Amino acid sequence: RICANTAMTLFIIEHDMHFVGALCDHVVV
C-alpha cells in the first residue's frame, strides 16, 4: 500500500522469497 500510494522506492534485504516475490519487481542475489 505504501508503494502504491507514494513515490517511495524500497530496497529490501530478505531471505523470505514469498515476501520478496509479493513486493519486488527486481531481485539481485
mmCIF file of all heavy atoms, coordinates in Angstrom:
data_MODEL
# 
_entry.id   MODEL 
# 
loop_
_atom_site.group_PDB 
_atom_site.id 
_atom_site.type_symbol 
_atom_site.label_atom_id 
_atom_site.label_alt_id 
_atom_site.label_comp_id 
_atom_site.label_asym_id 
_atom_site.label_entity_id 
_atom_site.label_seq_id 
_atom_site.pdbx_PDB_ins_code 
_atom_site.Cartn_x 
_atom_site.Cartn_y 
_atom_site.Cartn_z 
_atom_site.occupancy 
_atom_site.B_iso_or_equiv 
_atom_site.pdbx_formal_charge 
_atom_site.auth_seq_id 
_atom_site.auth_comp_id 
_atom_site.auth_asym_id 
_atom_site.auth_atom_id 
_atom_site.pdbx_PDB_model_num 
ATOM 1   N N   . ARG A 1 1  ? 0.834  -1.219  0.000   1.00 0.00 ? 1  ARG A N   1 
ATOM 2   C CA  . ARG A 1 1  ? 0.000  0.000   0.000   1.00 0.00 ? 1  ARG A CA  1 
ATOM 3   C C   . ARG A 1 1  ? 0.858  1.255   0.000   1.00 0.00 ? 1  ARG A C   1 
ATOM 4   O O   . ARG A 1 1  ? 0.566  2.217   -0.704  1.00 0.00 ? 1  ARG A O   1 
ATOM 5   C CB  . ARG A 1 1  ? -0.938 0.011   1.211   1.00 0.00 ? 1  ARG A CB  1 
ATOM 6   C CG  . ARG A 1 1  ? -2.166 -0.850  1.044   1.00 0.00 ? 1  ARG A CG  1 
ATOM 7   C CD  . ARG A 1 1  ? -3.256 -0.524  2.065   1.00 0.00 ? 1  ARG A CD  1 
ATOM 8   N NE  . ARG A 1 1  ? -2.827 -0.394  3.442   1.00 0.00 ? 1  ARG A NE  1 
ATOM 9   C CZ  . ARG A 1 1  ? -2.675 -1.399  4.304   1.00 0.00 ? 1  ARG A CZ  1 
ATOM 10  N NH1 . ARG A 1 1  ? -2.919 -2.632  3.916   1.00 0.00 ? 1  ARG A NH1 1 
ATOM 11  N NH2 . ARG A 1 1  ? -2.300 -1.178  5.543   1.00 0.00 ? 1  ARG A NH2 1 
ATOM 12  N N   . ILE A 1 2  ? 1.917  1.242   0.777   1.00 0.00 ? 2  ILE A N   1 
ATOM 13  C CA  . ILE A 1 2  ? 2.808  2.402   0.832   1.00 0.00 ? 2  ILE A CA  1 
ATOM 14  C C   . ILE A 1 2  ? 3.402  2.675   -0.547  1.00 0.00 ? 2  ILE A C   1 
ATOM 15  O O   . ILE A 1 2  ? 3.415  3.814   -1.009  1.00 0.00 ? 2  ILE A O   1 
ATOM 16  C CB  . ILE A 1 2  ? 3.924  2.182   1.882   1.00 0.00 ? 2  ILE A CB  1 
ATOM 17  C CG1 . ILE A 1 2  ? 3.332  2.201   3.295   1.00 0.00 ? 2  ILE A CG1 1 
ATOM 18  C CG2 . ILE A 1 2  ? 5.026  3.227   1.742   1.00 0.00 ? 2  ILE A CG2 1 
ATOM 19  C CD1 . ILE A 1 2  ? 4.272  1.681   4.358   1.00 0.00 ? 2  ILE A CD1 1 
ATOM 20  N N   . CYS A 1 3  ? 3.874  1.633   -1.192  1.00 0.00 ? 3  CYS A N   1 
ATOM 21  C CA  . CYS A 1 3  ? 4.475  1.805   -2.514  1.00 0.00 ? 3  CYS A CA  1 
ATOM 22  C C   . CYS A 1 3  ? 3.449  2.251   -3.552  1.00 0.00 ? 3  CYS A C   1 
ATOM 23  O O   . CYS A 1 3  ? 3.767  3.039   -4.439  1.00 0.00 ? 3  CYS A O   1 
ATOM 24  C CB  . CYS A 1 3  ? 5.143  0.507   -2.973  1.00 0.00 ? 3  CYS A CB  1 
ATOM 25  S SG  . CYS A 1 3  ? 6.637  0.160   -2.038  1.00 0.00 ? 3  CYS A SG  1 
ATOM 26  N N   . ALA A 1 4  ? 2.241  1.767   -3.438  1.00 0.00 ? 4  ALA A N   1 
ATOM 27  C CA  . ALA A 1 4  ? 1.194  2.147   -4.386  1.00 0.00 ? 4  ALA A CA  1 
ATOM 28  C C   . ALA A 1 4  ? 0.767  3.599   -4.222  1.00 0.00 ? 4  ALA A C   1 
ATOM 29  O O   . ALA A 1 4  ? 0.347  4.238   -5.182  1.00 0.00 ? 4  ALA A O   1 
ATOM 30  C CB  . ALA A 1 4  ? -0.017 1.229   -4.227  1.00 0.00 ? 4  ALA A CB  1 
ATOM 31  N N   . ASN A 1 5  ? 0.890  4.130   -3.002  1.00 0.00 ? 5  ASN A N   1 
ATOM 32  C CA  . ASN A 1 5  ? 0.393  5.482   -2.720  1.00 0.00 ? 5  ASN A CA  1 
ATOM 33  C C   . ASN A 1 5  ? 1.477  6.543   -2.619  1.00 0.00 ? 5  ASN A C   1 
ATOM 34  O O   . ASN A 1 5  ? 1.175  7.701   -2.340  1.00 0.00 ? 5  ASN A O   1 
ATOM 35  C CB  . ASN A 1 5  ? -0.426 5.465   -1.425  1.00 0.00 ? 5  ASN A CB  1 
ATOM 36  C CG  . ASN A 1 5  ? -1.651 4.594   -1.559  1.00 0.00 ? 5  ASN A CG  1 
ATOM 37  O OD1 . ASN A 1 5  ? -2.279 4.558   -2.609  1.00 0.00 ? 5  ASN A OD1 1 
ATOM 38  N ND2 . ASN A 1 5  ? -1.984 3.869   -0.517  1.00 0.00 ? 5  ASN A ND2 1 
ATOM 39  N N   . THR A 1 6  ? 2.732  6.159   -2.787  1.00 0.00 ? 6  THR A N   1 
ATOM 40  C CA  . THR A 1 6  ? 3.829  7.125   -2.693  1.00 0.00 ? 6  THR A CA  1 
ATOM 41  C C   . THR A 1 6  ? 4.813  6.877   -3.829  1.00 0.00 ? 6  THR A C   1 
ATOM 42  O O   . THR A 1 6  ? 4.700  5.897   -4.556  1.00 0.00 ? 6  THR A O   1 
ATOM 43  C CB  . THR A 1 6  ? 4.598  6.991   -1.355  1.00 0.00 ? 6  THR A CB  1 
ATOM 44  O OG1 . THR A 1 6  ? 5.286  5.736   -1.337  1.00 0.00 ? 6  THR A OG1 1 
ATOM 45  C CG2 . THR A 1 6  ? 3.683  7.098   -0.154  1.00 0.00 ? 6  THR A CG2 1 
ATOM 46  N N   . ALA A 1 7  ? 5.775  7.759   -3.931  1.00 0.00 ? 7  ALA A N   1 
ATOM 47  C CA  . ALA A 1 7  ? 6.835  7.590   -4.929  1.00 0.00 ? 7  ALA A CA  1 
ATOM 48  C C   . ALA A 1 7  ? 8.073  6.951   -4.295  1.00 0.00 ? 7  ALA A C   1 
ATOM 49  O O   . ALA A 1 7  ? 9.160  7.020   -4.839  1.00 0.00 ? 7  ALA A O   1 
ATOM 50  C CB  . ALA A 1 7  ? 7.192  8.942   -5.534  1.00 0.00 ? 7  ALA A CB  1 
ATOM 51  N N   . MET A 1 8  ? 7.877  6.329   -3.148  1.00 0.00 ? 8  MET A N   1 
ATOM 52  C CA  . MET A 1 8  ? 8.983  5.736   -2.411  1.00 0.00 ? 8  MET A CA  1 
ATOM 53  C C   . MET A 1 8  ? 9.475  4.458   -3.093  1.00 0.00 ? 8  MET A C   1 
ATOM 54  O O   . MET A 1 8  ? 8.689  3.658   -3.577  1.00 0.00 ? 8  MET A O   1 
ATOM 55  C CB  . MET A 1 8  ? 8.522  5.400   -0.994  1.00 0.00 ? 8  MET A CB  1 
ATOM 56  C CG  . MET A 1 8  ? 9.625  4.932   -0.082  1.00 0.00 ? 8  MET A CG  1 
ATOM 57  S SD  . MET A 1 8  ? 9.031  4.432   1.555   1.00 0.00 ? 8  MET A SD  1 
ATOM 58  C CE  . MET A 1 8  ? 7.720  5.551   1.891   1.00 0.00 ? 8  MET A CE  1 
ATOM 59  N N   . THR A 1 9  ? 10.792 4.294   -3.092  1.00 0.00 ? 9  THR A N   1 
ATOM 60  C CA  . THR A 1 9  ? 11.420 3.081   -3.594  1.00 0.00 ? 9  THR A CA  1 
ATOM 61  C C   . THR A 1 9  ? 11.852 2.248   -2.396  1.00 0.00 ? 9  THR A C   1 
ATOM 62  O O   . THR A 1 9  ? 12.407 2.772   -1.437  1.00 0.00 ? 9  THR A O   1 
ATOM 63  C CB  . THR A 1 9  ? 12.656 3.423   -4.452  1.00 0.00 ? 9  THR A CB  1 
ATOM 64  O OG1 . THR A 1 9  ? 12.229 4.186   -5.573  1.00 0.00 ? 9  THR A OG1 1 
ATOM 65  C CG2 . THR A 1 9  ? 13.374 2.170   -4.922  1.00 0.00 ? 9  THR A CG2 1 
ATOM 66  N N   . LEU A 1 10 ? 11.573 0.953   -2.451  1.00 0.00 ? 10 LEU A N   1 
ATOM 67  C CA  . LEU A 1 10 ? 12.002 0.035   -1.385  1.00 0.00 ? 10 LEU A CA  1 
ATOM 68  C C   . LEU A 1 10 ? 13.274 -0.679  -1.812  1.00 0.00 ? 10 LEU A C   1 
ATOM 69  O O   . LEU A 1 10 ? 13.383 -1.134  -2.950  1.00 0.00 ? 10 LEU A O   1 
ATOM 70  C CB  . LEU A 1 10 ? 10.942 -1.025  -1.116  1.00 0.00 ? 10 LEU A CB  1 
ATOM 71  C CG  . LEU A 1 10 ? 9.649  -0.605  -0.475  1.00 0.00 ? 10 LEU A CG  1 
ATOM 72  C CD1 . LEU A 1 10 ? 8.736  -1.810  -0.316  1.00 0.00 ? 10 LEU A CD1 1 
ATOM 73  C CD2 . LEU A 1 10 ? 9.889  0.053   0.863   1.00 0.00 ? 10 LEU A CD2 1 
ATOM 74  N N   . PHE A 1 11 ? 14.196 -0.799  -0.896  1.00 0.00 ? 11 PHE A N   1 
ATOM 75  C CA  . PHE A 1 11 ? 15.402 -1.596  -1.072  1.00 0.00 ? 11 PHE A CA  1 
ATOM 76  C C   . PHE A 1 11 ? 15.368 -2.582  0.083   1.00 0.00 ? 11 PHE A C   1 
ATOM 77  O O   . PHE A 1 11 ? 15.510 -2.191  1.245   1.00 0.00 ? 11 PHE A O   1 
ATOM 78  C CB  . PHE A 1 11 ? 16.643 -0.701  -0.995  1.00 0.00 ? 11 PHE A CB  1 
ATOM 79  C CG  . PHE A 1 11 ? 17.930 -1.431  -1.250  1.00 0.00 ? 11 PHE A CG  1 
ATOM 80  C CD1 . PHE A 1 11 ? 18.532 -1.366  -2.492  1.00 0.00 ? 11 PHE A CD1 1 
ATOM 81  C CD2 . PHE A 1 11 ? 18.539 -2.177  -0.248  1.00 0.00 ? 11 PHE A CD2 1 
ATOM 82  C CE1 . PHE A 1 11 ? 19.729 -2.027  -2.728  1.00 0.00 ? 11 PHE A CE1 1 
ATOM 83  C CE2 . PHE A 1 11 ? 19.719 -2.845  -0.479  1.00 0.00 ? 11 PHE A CE2 1 
ATOM 84  C CZ  . PHE A 1 11 ? 20.330 -2.773  -1.722  1.00 0.00 ? 11 PHE A CZ  1 
ATOM 85  N N   . ILE A 1 12 ? 15.117 -3.851  -0.238  1.00 0.00 ? 12 ILE A N   1 
ATOM 86  C CA  . ILE A 1 12 ? 14.893 -4.854  0.805   1.00 0.00 ? 12 ILE A CA  1 
ATOM 87  C C   . ILE A 1 12 ? 15.965 -5.932  0.752   1.00 0.00 ? 12 ILE A C   1 
ATOM 88  O O   . ILE A 1 12 ? 16.243 -6.480  -0.314  1.00 0.00 ? 12 ILE A O   1 
ATOM 89  C CB  . ILE A 1 12 ? 13.503 -5.513  0.640   1.00 0.00 ? 12 ILE A CB  1 
ATOM 90  C CG1 . ILE A 1 12 ? 12.397 -4.468  0.723   1.00 0.00 ? 12 ILE A CG1 1 
ATOM 91  C CG2 . ILE A 1 12 ? 13.298 -6.601  1.676   1.00 0.00 ? 12 ILE A CG2 1 
ATOM 92  C CD1 . ILE A 1 12 ? 11.020 -5.017  0.438   1.00 0.00 ? 12 ILE A CD1 1 
ATOM 93  N N   . ILE A 1 13 ? 16.534 -6.220  1.895   1.00 0.00 ? 13 ILE A N   1 
ATOM 94  C CA  . ILE A 1 13 ? 17.408 -7.381  2.057   1.00 0.00 ? 13 ILE A CA  1 
ATOM 95  C C   . ILE A 1 13 ? 16.560 -8.403  2.799   1.00 0.00 ? 13 ILE A C   1 
ATOM 96  O O   . ILE A 1 13 ? 16.107 -8.148  3.914   1.00 0.00 ? 13 ILE A O   1 
ATOM 97  C CB  . ILE A 1 13 ? 18.669 -7.023  2.863   1.00 0.00 ? 13 ILE A CB  1 
ATOM 98  C CG1 . ILE A 1 13 ? 19.462 -5.960  2.129   1.00 0.00 ? 13 ILE A CG1 1 
ATOM 99  C CG2 . ILE A 1 13 ? 19.504 -8.276  3.139   1.00 0.00 ? 13 ILE A CG2 1 
ATOM 100 C CD1 . ILE A 1 13 ? 20.541 -5.313  2.952   1.00 0.00 ? 13 ILE A CD1 1 
ATOM 101 N N   . GLU A 1 14 ? 16.306 -9.534  2.167   1.00 0.00 ? 14 GLU A N   1 
ATOM 102 C CA  . GLU A 1 14 ? 15.368 -10.501 2.759   1.00 0.00 ? 14 GLU A CA  1 
ATOM 103 C C   . GLU A 1 14 ? 15.653 -11.896 2.237   1.00 0.00 ? 14 GLU A C   1 
ATOM 104 O O   . GLU A 1 14 ? 16.023 -12.074 1.073   1.00 0.00 ? 14 GLU A O   1 
ATOM 105 C CB  . GLU A 1 14 ? 13.934 -10.081 2.409   1.00 0.00 ? 14 GLU A CB  1 
ATOM 106 C CG  . GLU A 1 14 ? 12.854 -10.951 2.981   1.00 0.00 ? 14 GLU A CG  1 
ATOM 107 C CD  . GLU A 1 14 ? 12.860 -10.991 4.500   1.00 0.00 ? 14 GLU A CD  1 
ATOM 108 O OE1 . GLU A 1 14 ? 12.633 -9.942  5.132   1.00 0.00 ? 14 GLU A OE1 1 
ATOM 109 O OE2 . GLU A 1 14 ? 13.093 -12.087 5.051   1.00 0.00 ? 14 GLU A OE2 1 
ATOM 110 N N   . HIS A 1 15 ? 15.452 -12.892 3.100   1.00 0.00 ? 15 HIS A N   1 
ATOM 111 C CA  . HIS A 1 15 ? 15.611 -14.291 2.714   1.00 0.00 ? 15 HIS A CA  1 
ATOM 112 C C   . HIS A 1 15 ? 14.276 -14.963 2.409   1.00 0.00 ? 15 HIS A C   1 
ATOM 113 O O   . HIS A 1 15 ? 14.251 -16.035 1.825   1.00 0.00 ? 15 HIS A O   1 
ATOM 114 C CB  . HIS A 1 15 ? 16.331 -15.067 3.827   1.00 0.00 ? 15 HIS A CB  1 
ATOM 115 C CG  . HIS A 1 15 ? 17.752 -14.660 3.983   1.00 0.00 ? 15 HIS A CG  1 
ATOM 116 N ND1 . HIS A 1 15 ? 18.146 -13.679 4.858   1.00 0.00 ? 15 HIS A ND1 1 
ATOM 117 C CD2 . HIS A 1 15 ? 18.869 -15.076 3.351   1.00 0.00 ? 15 HIS A CD2 1 
ATOM 118 C CE1 . HIS A 1 15 ? 19.450 -13.523 4.767   1.00 0.00 ? 15 HIS A CE1 1 
ATOM 119 N NE2 . HIS A 1 15 ? 19.919 -14.358 3.859   1.00 0.00 ? 15 HIS A NE2 1 
ATOM 120 N N   . ASP A 1 16 ? 13.182 -14.360 2.814   1.00 0.00 ? 16 ASP A N   1 
ATOM 121 C CA  . ASP A 1 16 ? 11.851 -14.925 2.591   1.00 0.00 ? 16 ASP A CA  1 
ATOM 122 C C   . ASP A 1 16 ? 11.416 -14.605 1.154   1.00 0.00 ? 16 ASP A C   1 
ATOM 123 O O   . ASP A 1 16 ? 10.995 -13.499 0.848   1.00 0.00 ? 16 ASP A O   1 
ATOM 124 C CB  . ASP A 1 16 ? 10.867 -14.326 3.598   1.00 0.00 ? 16 ASP A CB  1 
ATOM 125 C CG  . ASP A 1 16 ? 9.448  -14.861 3.471   1.00 0.00 ? 16 ASP A CG  1 
ATOM 126 O OD1 . ASP A 1 16 ? 9.089  -15.405 2.397   1.00 0.00 ? 16 ASP A OD1 1 
ATOM 127 O OD2 . ASP A 1 16 ? 8.687  -14.714 4.433   1.00 0.00 ? 16 ASP A OD2 1 
ATOM 128 N N   . MET A 1 17 ? 11.525 -15.594 0.279   1.00 0.00 ? 17 MET A N   1 
ATOM 129 C CA  . MET A 1 17 ? 11.265 -15.356 -1.140  1.00 0.00 ? 17 MET A CA  1 
ATOM 130 C C   . MET A 1 17 ? 9.787  -15.114 -1.440  1.00 0.00 ? 17 MET A C   1 
ATOM 131 O O   . MET A 1 17 ? 9.459  -14.438 -2.409  1.00 0.00 ? 17 MET A O   1 
ATOM 132 C CB  . MET A 1 17 ? 11.792 -16.522 -1.994  1.00 0.00 ? 17 MET A CB  1 
ATOM 133 C CG  . MET A 1 17 ? 13.312 -16.544 -2.075  1.00 0.00 ? 17 MET A CG  1 
ATOM 134 S SD  . MET A 1 17 ? 14.008 -15.044 -2.803  1.00 0.00 ? 17 MET A SD  1 
ATOM 135 C CE  . MET A 1 17 ? 14.606 -14.168 -1.371  1.00 0.00 ? 17 MET A CE  1 
ATOM 136 N N   . HIS A 1 18 ? 8.878  -15.622 -0.615  1.00 0.00 ? 18 HIS A N   1 
ATOM 137 C CA  . HIS A 1 18 ? 7.462  -15.306 -0.808  1.00 0.00 ? 18 HIS A CA  1 
ATOM 138 C C   . HIS A 1 18 ? 7.242  -13.811 -0.555  1.00 0.00 ? 18 HIS A C   1 
ATOM 139 O O   . HIS A 1 18 ? 6.532  -13.146 -1.293  1.00 0.00 ? 18 HIS A O   1 
ATOM 140 C CB  . HIS A 1 18 ? 6.574  -16.143 0.115   1.00 0.00 ? 18 HIS A CB  1 
ATOM 141 C CG  . HIS A 1 18 ? 6.615  -17.602 -0.188  1.00 0.00 ? 18 HIS A CG  1 
ATOM 142 N ND1 . HIS A 1 18 ? 6.076  -18.127 -1.340  1.00 0.00 ? 18 HIS A ND1 1 
ATOM 143 C CD2 . HIS A 1 18 ? 7.146  -18.643 0.495   1.00 0.00 ? 18 HIS A CD2 1 
ATOM 144 C CE1 . HIS A 1 18 ? 6.268  -19.433 -1.353  1.00 0.00 ? 18 HIS A CE1 1 
ATOM 145 N NE2 . HIS A 1 18 ? 6.918  -19.770 -0.244  1.00 0.00 ? 18 HIS A NE2 1 
ATOM 146 N N   . PHE A 1 19 ? 7.864  -13.300 0.478   1.00 0.00 ? 19 PHE A N   1 
ATOM 147 C CA  . PHE A 1 19 ? 7.783  -11.883 0.829   1.00 0.00 ? 19 PHE A CA  1 
ATOM 148 C C   . PHE A 1 19 ? 8.378  -11.043 -0.303  1.00 0.00 ? 19 PHE A C   1 
ATOM 149 O O   . PHE A 1 19 ? 7.771  -10.081 -0.767  1.00 0.00 ? 19 PHE A O   1 
ATOM 150 C CB  . PHE A 1 19 ? 8.532  -11.652 2.143   1.00 0.00 ? 19 PHE A CB  1 
ATOM 151 C CG  . PHE A 1 19 ? 8.357  -10.288 2.737   1.00 0.00 ? 19 PHE A CG  1 
ATOM 152 C CD1 . PHE A 1 19 ? 7.270  -10.003 3.541   1.00 0.00 ? 19 PHE A CD1 1 
ATOM 153 C CD2 . PHE A 1 19 ? 9.297  -9.292  2.511   1.00 0.00 ? 19 PHE A CD2 1 
ATOM 154 C CE1 . PHE A 1 19 ? 7.110  -8.748  4.111   1.00 0.00 ? 19 PHE A CE1 1 
ATOM 155 C CE2 . PHE A 1 19 ? 9.156  -8.039  3.074   1.00 0.00 ? 19 PHE A CE2 1 
ATOM 156 C CZ  . PHE A 1 19 ? 8.059  -7.759  3.876   1.00 0.00 ? 19 PHE A CZ  1 
ATOM 157 N N   . VAL A 1 20 ? 9.556  -11.427 -0.765  1.00 0.00 ? 20 VAL A N   1 
ATOM 158 C CA  . VAL A 1 20 ? 10.229 -10.717 -1.856  1.00 0.00 ? 20 VAL A CA  1 
ATOM 159 C C   . VAL A 1 20 ? 9.380  -10.763 -3.122  1.00 0.00 ? 20 VAL A C   1 
ATOM 160 O O   . VAL A 1 20 ? 9.183  -9.744  -3.787  1.00 0.00 ? 20 VAL A O   1 
ATOM 161 C CB  . VAL A 1 20 ? 11.628 -11.321 -2.123  1.00 0.00 ? 20 VAL A CB  1 
ATOM 162 C CG1 . VAL A 1 20 ? 12.235 -10.768 -3.406  1.00 0.00 ? 20 VAL A CG1 1 
ATOM 163 C CG2 . VAL A 1 20 ? 12.551 -11.062 -0.939  1.00 0.00 ? 20 VAL A CG2 1 
ATOM 164 N N   . GLY A 1 21 ? 8.858  -11.931 -3.439  1.00 0.00 ? 21 GLY A N   1 
ATOM 165 C CA  . GLY A 1 21 ? 8.068  -12.081 -4.653  1.00 0.00 ? 21 GLY A CA  1 
ATOM 166 C C   . GLY A 1 21 ? 6.802  -11.244 -4.661  1.00 0.00 ? 21 GLY A C   1 
ATOM 167 O O   . GLY A 1 21 ? 6.364  -10.764 -5.711  1.00 0.00 ? 21 GLY A O   1 
ATOM 168 N N   . ALA A 1 22 ? 6.216  -11.044 -3.491  1.00 0.00 ? 22 ALA A N   1 
ATOM 169 C CA  . ALA A 1 22 ? 4.988  -10.253 -3.397  1.00 0.00 ? 22 ALA A CA  1 
ATOM 170 C C   . ALA A 1 22 ? 5.259  -8.761  -3.543  1.00 0.00 ? 22 ALA A C   1 
ATOM 171 O O   . ALA A 1 22 ? 4.363  -8.010  -3.912  1.00 0.00 ? 22 ALA A O   1 
ATOM 172 C CB  . ALA A 1 22 ? 4.299  -10.531 -2.064  1.00 0.00 ? 22 ALA A CB  1 
ATOM 173 N N   . LEU A 1 23 ? 6.481  -8.326  -3.269  1.00 0.00 ? 23 LEU A N   1 
ATOM 174 C CA  . LEU A 1 23 ? 6.780  -6.890  -3.258  1.00 0.00 ? 23 LEU A CA  1 
ATOM 175 C C   . LEU A 1 23 ? 7.694  -6.397  -4.362  1.00 0.00 ? 23 LEU A C   1 
ATOM 176 O O   . LEU A 1 23 ? 7.571  -5.263  -4.808  1.00 0.00 ? 23 LEU A O   1 
ATOM 177 C CB  . LEU A 1 23 ? 7.452  -6.513  -1.922  1.00 0.00 ? 23 LEU A CB  1 
ATOM 178 C CG  . LEU A 1 23 ? 6.567  -6.445  -0.716  1.00 0.00 ? 23 LEU A CG  1 
ATOM 179 C CD1 . LEU A 1 23 ? 7.408  -6.294  0.541   1.00 0.00 ? 23 LEU A CD1 1 
ATOM 180 C CD2 . LEU A 1 23 ? 5.603  -5.290  -0.838  1.00 0.00 ? 23 LEU A CD2 1 
ATOM 181 N N   . CYS A 1 24 ? 8.627  -7.215  -4.768  1.00 0.00 ? 24 CYS A N   1 
ATOM 182 C CA  . CYS A 1 24 ? 9.731  -6.712  -5.593  1.00 0.00 ? 24 CYS A CA  1 
ATOM 183 C C   . CYS A 1 24 ? 9.582  -7.038  -7.074  1.00 0.00 ? 24 CYS A C   1 
ATOM 184 O O   . CYS A 1 24 ? 9.286  -8.168  -7.442  1.00 0.00 ? 24 CYS A O   1 
ATOM 185 C CB  . CYS A 1 24 ? 11.042 -7.292  -5.074  1.00 0.00 ? 24 CYS A CB  1 
ATOM 186 S SG  . CYS A 1 24 ? 11.344 -6.869  -3.347  1.00 0.00 ? 24 CYS A SG  1 
ATOM 187 N N   . ASP A 1 25 ? 9.848  -6.023  -7.870  1.00 0.00 ? 25 ASP A N   1 
ATOM 188 C CA  . ASP A 1 25 ? 9.855  -6.192  -9.322  1.00 0.00 ? 25 ASP A CA  1 
ATOM 189 C C   . ASP A 1 25 ? 11.220 -6.664  -9.805  1.00 0.00 ? 25 ASP A C   1 
ATOM 190 O O   . ASP A 1 25 ? 11.323 -7.282  -10.857 1.00 0.00 ? 25 ASP A O   1 
ATOM 191 C CB  . ASP A 1 25 ? 9.555  -4.854  -10.018 1.00 0.00 ? 25 ASP A CB  1 
ATOM 192 C CG  . ASP A 1 25 ? 8.214  -4.282  -9.619  1.00 0.00 ? 25 ASP A CG  1 
ATOM 193 O OD1 . ASP A 1 25 ? 7.272  -5.068  -9.453  1.00 0.00 ? 25 ASP A OD1 1 
ATOM 194 O OD2 . ASP A 1 25 ? 8.121  -3.053  -9.478  1.00 0.00 ? 25 ASP A OD2 1 
ATOM 195 N N   . HIS A 1 26 ? 12.230 -6.340  -9.048  1.00 0.00 ? 26 HIS A N   1 
ATOM 196 C CA  . HIS A 1 26 ? 13.604 -6.621  -9.454  1.00 0.00 ? 26 HIS A CA  1 
ATOM 197 C C   . HIS A 1 26 ? 14.348 -7.231  -8.268  1.00 0.00 ? 26 HIS A C   1 
ATOM 198 O O   . HIS A 1 26 ? 14.260 -6.723  -7.155  1.00 0.00 ? 26 HIS A O   1 
ATOM 199 C CB  . HIS A 1 26 ? 14.282 -5.317  -9.897  1.00 0.00 ? 26 HIS A CB  1 
ATOM 200 C CG  . HIS A 1 26 ? 15.574 -5.527  -10.594 1.00 0.00 ? 26 HIS A CG  1 
ATOM 201 N ND1 . HIS A 1 26 ? 15.647 -5.843  -11.931 1.00 0.00 ? 26 HIS A ND1 1 
ATOM 202 C CD2 . HIS A 1 26 ? 16.844 -5.485  -10.136 1.00 0.00 ? 26 HIS A CD2 1 
ATOM 203 C CE1 . HIS A 1 26 ? 16.919 -5.974  -12.275 1.00 0.00 ? 26 HIS A CE1 1 
ATOM 204 N NE2 . HIS A 1 26 ? 17.661 -5.763  -11.200 1.00 0.00 ? 26 HIS A NE2 1 
ATOM 205 N N   . VAL A 1 27 ? 15.081 -8.305  -8.515  1.00 0.00 ? 27 VAL A N   1 
ATOM 206 C CA  . VAL A 1 27 ? 15.787 -9.027  -7.457  1.00 0.00 ? 27 VAL A CA  1 
ATOM 207 C C   . VAL A 1 27 ? 17.251 -9.165  -7.849  1.00 0.00 ? 27 VAL A C   1 
ATOM 208 O O   . VAL A 1 27 ? 17.569 -9.445  -9.007  1.00 0.00 ? 27 VAL A O   1 
ATOM 209 C CB  . VAL A 1 27 ? 15.167 -10.438 -7.246  1.00 0.00 ? 27 VAL A CB  1 
ATOM 210 C CG1 . VAL A 1 27 ? 15.922 -11.219 -6.180  1.00 0.00 ? 27 VAL A CG1 1 
ATOM 211 C CG2 . VAL A 1 27 ? 13.695 -10.335 -6.907  1.00 0.00 ? 27 VAL A CG2 1 
ATOM 212 N N   . VAL A 1 28 ? 18.127 -8.967  -6.874  1.00 0.00 ? 28 VAL A N   1 
ATOM 213 C CA  . VAL A 1 28 ? 19.553 -9.209  -7.048  1.00 0.00 ? 28 VAL A CA  1 
ATOM 214 C C   . VAL A 1 28 ? 19.943 -10.233 -5.992  1.00 0.00 ? 28 VAL A C   1 
ATOM 215 O O   . VAL A 1 28 ? 19.602 -10.085 -4.818  1.00 0.00 ? 28 VAL A O   1 
ATOM 216 C CB  . VAL A 1 28 ? 20.382 -7.914  -6.864  1.00 0.00 ? 28 VAL A CB  1 
ATOM 217 C CG1 . VAL A 1 28 ? 21.877 -8.213  -6.923  1.00 0.00 ? 28 VAL A CG1 1 
ATOM 218 C CG2 . VAL A 1 28 ? 19.995 -6.879  -7.907  1.00 0.00 ? 28 VAL A CG2 1 
ATOM 219 N N   . VAL A 1 29 ? 20.646 -11.282 -6.412  1.00 0.00 ? 29 VAL A N   1 
ATOM 220 C CA  . VAL A 1 29 ? 21.077 -12.334 -5.491  1.00 0.00 ? 29 VAL A CA  1 
ATOM 221 C C   . VAL A 1 29 ? 22.581 -12.219 -5.300  1.00 0.00 ? 29 VAL A C   1 
ATOM 222 O O   . VAL A 1 29 ? 23.335 -12.143 -6.280  1.00 0.00 ? 29 VAL A O   1 
ATOM 223 C CB  . VAL A 1 29 ? 20.719 -13.741 -6.023  1.00 0.00 ? 29 VAL A CB  1 
ATOM 224 C CG1 . VAL A 1 29 ? 21.194 -14.815 -5.059  1.00 0.00 ? 29 VAL A CG1 1 
ATOM 225 C CG2 . VAL A 1 29 ? 19.230 -13.855 -6.270  1.00 0.00 ? 29 VAL A CG2 1 
# 
